Amino acid sequence: MDTTVVERNALERAVVAVCSLVLWVSTVVIFVILAANTALRYLVGTSLQWANEVPELLFPWLVMSGVVLAAEKGSHIATVFLVDAVSPAARRVINTVAWVAVALLYAVLVRATWGMLEIVHDERSPILQVPGSVTYVCVMLGMVLLSALALLAAWRAWHRQRVAPQALAPGAQAAQG
């Protein structure tokens, strides 16, 4: 039962591109706003009133994009010594079932978040009046992507596929399969 080495598929490449863009843009915008606000505070003695709200709104997007990227690269913590102790056939079944369970749990979180969107939409940020649902949408989209990646990992585990090491960041191992 050999493992087939595969390249990232279109879904994974798209997830990496979008999440990397969100990660970089949110990090740069947060840094620029906080640096400018700090400089204004020390140089002029005043600050931008909205400068605290924007980083608060962007931070969940930064975090969720990082979580999804880590999941795609297989960089989350895993304890595998028990699974590695069983036969390859049993490992295949365990990994597949585990990834399907993870996907289903993320789907439950998506459903729960969807149900809360209407409630939190009425909450507004004090200055910019951005609906509270903006950050909940971020969490929901992240969970959708995590669920899709978990289903892909289940597919790869069942079909004994692994992502090619060169397709990953140096030192990262794919959790799939």
Protein backbone atom coordinates (compact mmCIF):
# COMPACT_ATOMS: atom_id res chain seq x y z
CA MET A 1 0.00 0.00 0.00
CA ASP A 2 2.22 2.78 -1.28
CA THR A 3 1.32 6.41 -1.00
CA THR A 4 0.96 8.45 -4.18
CA VAL A 5 2.57 11.87 -4.15
CA VAL A 6 0.39 14.60 -5.67
CA GLU A 7 0.65 18.33 -6.24
CA ARG A 8 -1.70 20.88 -4.69
CA ASN A 9 -5.00 20.99 -6.55
CA ALA A 10 -6.84 24.12 -7.73
CA LEU A 11 -8.82 24.40 -4.47
CA GLU A 12 -5.67 24.36 -2.37
CA ARG A 13 -3.89 26.84 -4.61
CA ALA A 14 -6.89 29.19 -4.47
CA VAL A 15 -7.16 28.87 -0.67
CA VAL A 16 -3.45 29.62 -0.28
CA ALA A 17 -3.63 32.61 -2.65
CA VAL A 18 -6.72 34.17 -1.05
CA CYS A 19 -5.68 33.54 2.55
CA SER A 20 -2.13 34.78 1.88
CA LEU A 21 -3.53 37.96 0.35
CA VAL A 22 -5.91 38.50 3.31
CA LEU A 23 -3.07 37.79 5.75
CA TRP A 24 -0.66 40.25 4.13
CA VAL A 25 -3.18 43.02 3.49
CA SER A 26 -4.65 42.87 6.99
CA THR A 27 -1.19 42.78 8.59
CA VAL A 28 0.08 45.75 6.58
CA VAL A 29 -3.09 47.81 7.11
CA ILE A 30 -3.11 47.10 10.86
CA PHE A 31 0.58 48.00 11.13
CA VAL A 32 0.27 51.22 9.13
CA ILE A 33 -2.79 52.40 11.06
CA LEU A 34 -1.31 51.62 14.46
CA ALA A 35 2.06 53.17 13.56
CA ALA A 36 0.42 56.31 12.16
CA ASN A 37 -1.86 56.64 15.18
CA THR A 38 1.06 56.20 17.57
CA ALA A 39 3.13 58.77 15.68
CA LEU A 40 0.23 61.24 15.74
CA ARG A 41 -0.25 60.70 19.45
CA TYR A 42 3.39 61.41 20.26
CA LEU A 43 4.04 64.15 17.71
CA VAL A 44 0.78 66.09 17.76
CA GLY A 45 -0.92 64.90 20.91
CA THR A 46 -4.01 63.66 19.12
CA SER A 47 -5.08 60.46 17.42
CA LEU A 48 -7.46 59.23 14.76
CA GLN A 49 -10.74 58.26 16.38
CA TRP A 50 -11.36 55.34 14.03
CA ALA A 51 -7.79 54.02 14.29
CA ASN A 52 -8.65 51.51 17.02
CA GLU A 53 -11.70 50.12 15.25
CA VAL A 54 -10.11 49.14 11.95
CA PRO A 55 -7.45 46.86 13.52
CA GLU A 56 -10.17 45.33 15.70
CA LEU A 57 -12.19 44.55 12.58
CA LEU A 58 -9.21 43.27 10.59
CA PHE A 59 -7.60 41.15 13.32
CA PRO A 60 -10.12 38.25 13.05
CA TRP A 61 -9.51 38.14 9.29
CA LEU A 62 -5.76 38.00 9.90
CA VAL A 63 -6.11 35.21 12.46
CA MET A 64 -8.59 33.13 10.46
CA SER A 65 -6.50 33.35 7.29
CA GLY A 66 -3.49 32.18 9.29
CA VAL A 67 -5.47 29.28 10.77
CA VAL A 68 -6.64 28.16 7.32
CA LEU A 69 -3.11 28.45 5.88
CA ALA A 70 -1.71 26.42 8.76
CA ALA A 71 -4.36 23.74 8.21
CA GLU A 72 -3.65 23.62 4.48
CA LYS A 73 0.05 23.17 5.15
CA GLY A 74 -0.54 20.55 7.84
CA SER A 75 1.16 22.74 10.44
CA HIS A 76 -1.27 22.14 13.28
CA ILE A 77 -0.27 19.94 16.19
CA ALA A 78 -1.08 16.27 15.81
CA THR A 79 -0.46 13.27 18.03
CA VAL A 80 0.07 10.33 15.73
CA PHE A 81 2.03 7.75 17.70
CA LEU A 82 -1.06 5.58 18.32
CA VAL A 83 -2.17 5.76 14.69
CA ASP A 84 1.37 5.01 13.52
CA ALA A 85 1.34 1.85 15.66
CA VAL A 86 -1.46 0.20 13.64
CA SER A 87 -1.33 -1.42 10.22
CA PRO A 88 -1.43 0.76 7.09
CA ALA A 89 -4.96 -0.45 6.30
CA ALA A 90 -6.22 0.50 9.76
CA ARG A 91 -4.36 3.81 9.57
CA ARG A 92 -6.10 4.54 6.28
CA VAL A 93 -9.54 3.99 7.83
CA ILE A 94 -8.71 5.90 11.03
CA ASN A 95 -7.35 8.88 9.13
CA THR A 96 -10.30 8.96 6.74
CA VAL A 97 -12.87 8.74 9.53
CA ALA A 98 -11.02 11.34 11.60
CA TRP A 99 -10.87 13.82 8.71
CA VAL A 100 -14.56 13.32 7.90
CA ALA A 101 -15.38 13.92 11.57
CA VAL A 102 -13.31 17.10 11.54
CA ALA A 103 -15.10 18.29 8.38
CA LEU A 104 -18.48 17.60 9.98
CA LEU A 105 -17.55 19.46 13.14
CA TYR A 106 -16.46 22.48 11.10
CA ALA A 107 -19.77 22.25 9.22
CA VAL A 108 -21.62 22.34 12.56
CA LEU A 109 -19.69 25.50 13.44
CA VAL A 110 -20.59 27.01 10.05
CA ARG A 111 -24.27 26.28 10.69
CA ALA A 112 -24.10 27.76 14.21
CA THR A 113 -22.35 30.88 12.95
CA TRP A 114 -24.87 31.26 10.13
CA GLY A 115 -27.64 31.25 12.73
CA MET A 116 -25.96 34.03 14.69
CA LEU A 117 -25.36 36.37 11.74
CA GLU A 118 -28.78 37.98 11.91
CA ILE A 119 -28.42 38.59 15.64
CA VAL A 120 -24.96 40.19 15.50
CA HIS A 121 -25.71 42.16 12.34
CA ASP A 122 -27.56 44.74 14.43
CA GLU A 123 -24.49 45.39 16.59
CA ARG A 124 -22.43 48.24 15.14
CA SER A 125 -18.94 49.48 15.82
CA PRO A 126 -19.10 52.82 17.67
CA ILE A 127 -17.42 55.09 15.12
CA LEU A 128 -17.47 53.41 11.70
CA GLN A 129 -20.85 51.72 12.26
CA VAL A 130 -19.62 48.43 10.74
CA PRO A 131 -22.05 45.59 11.48
CA GLY A 132 -20.89 42.95 13.95
CA SER A 133 -21.66 40.31 11.36
CA VAL A 134 -18.48 41.25 9.45
CA THR A 135 -16.27 39.40 11.91
CA TYR A 136 -18.72 36.50 12.17
CA VAL A 137 -18.67 36.13 8.38
CA CYS A 138 -14.89 35.91 8.63
CA VAL A 139 -15.14 33.03 11.10
CA MET A 140 -17.83 31.32 9.04
CA LEU A 141 -15.80 31.55 5.80
CA GLY A 142 -12.75 30.22 7.61
CA MET A 143 -14.74 27.26 8.90
CA VAL A 144 -16.09 26.59 5.38
CA LEU A 145 -12.53 26.52 4.05
CA LEU A 146 -11.33 24.34 6.93
CA SER A 147 -14.21 21.92 6.31
CA ALA A 148 -13.38 21.73 2.60
CA LEU A 149 -9.70 21.12 3.37
CA ALA A 150 -10.64 18.40 5.88
CA LEU A 151 -12.81 16.68 3.26
CA LEU A 152 -9.92 16.86 0.82
CA ALA A 153 -7.65 15.38 3.50
CA ALA A 154 -10.17 12.53 4.00
CA TRP A 155 -10.20 11.90 0.25
CA ARG A 156 -6.41 11.83 0.19
CA ALA A 157 -6.22 9.57 3.24
CA TRP A 158 -8.60 7.08 1.65
CA HIS A 159 -6.81 7.18 -1.71
CA ARG A 160 -3.38 7.06 -0.04
CA GLN A 161 -2.24 10.39 -1.48
CA ARG A 162 0.23 12.86 -0.04
CA VAL A 163 1.01 16.43 -1.12
CA ALA A 164 4.46 16.75 -2.68
CA PRO A 165 6.93 18.18 -0.16
CA GLN A 166 8.05 20.89 -2.63
CA ALA A 167 4.43 22.13 -2.74
CA LEU A 168 4.63 22.95 0.96
CA ALA A 169 6.61 25.50 2.91
CA PRO A 170 10.07 24.31 3.97
CA GLY A 171 9.82 22.12 7.05
CA ALA A 172 6.04 21.70 6.85
CA GLN A 173 4.42 18.30 6.51
CA ALA A 174 1.03 17.79 5.02
CA ALA A 175 -1.46 16.44 7.54
CA GLN A 176 -3.37 14.89 4.68
CA GLY A 177 -3.19 11.16 4.33
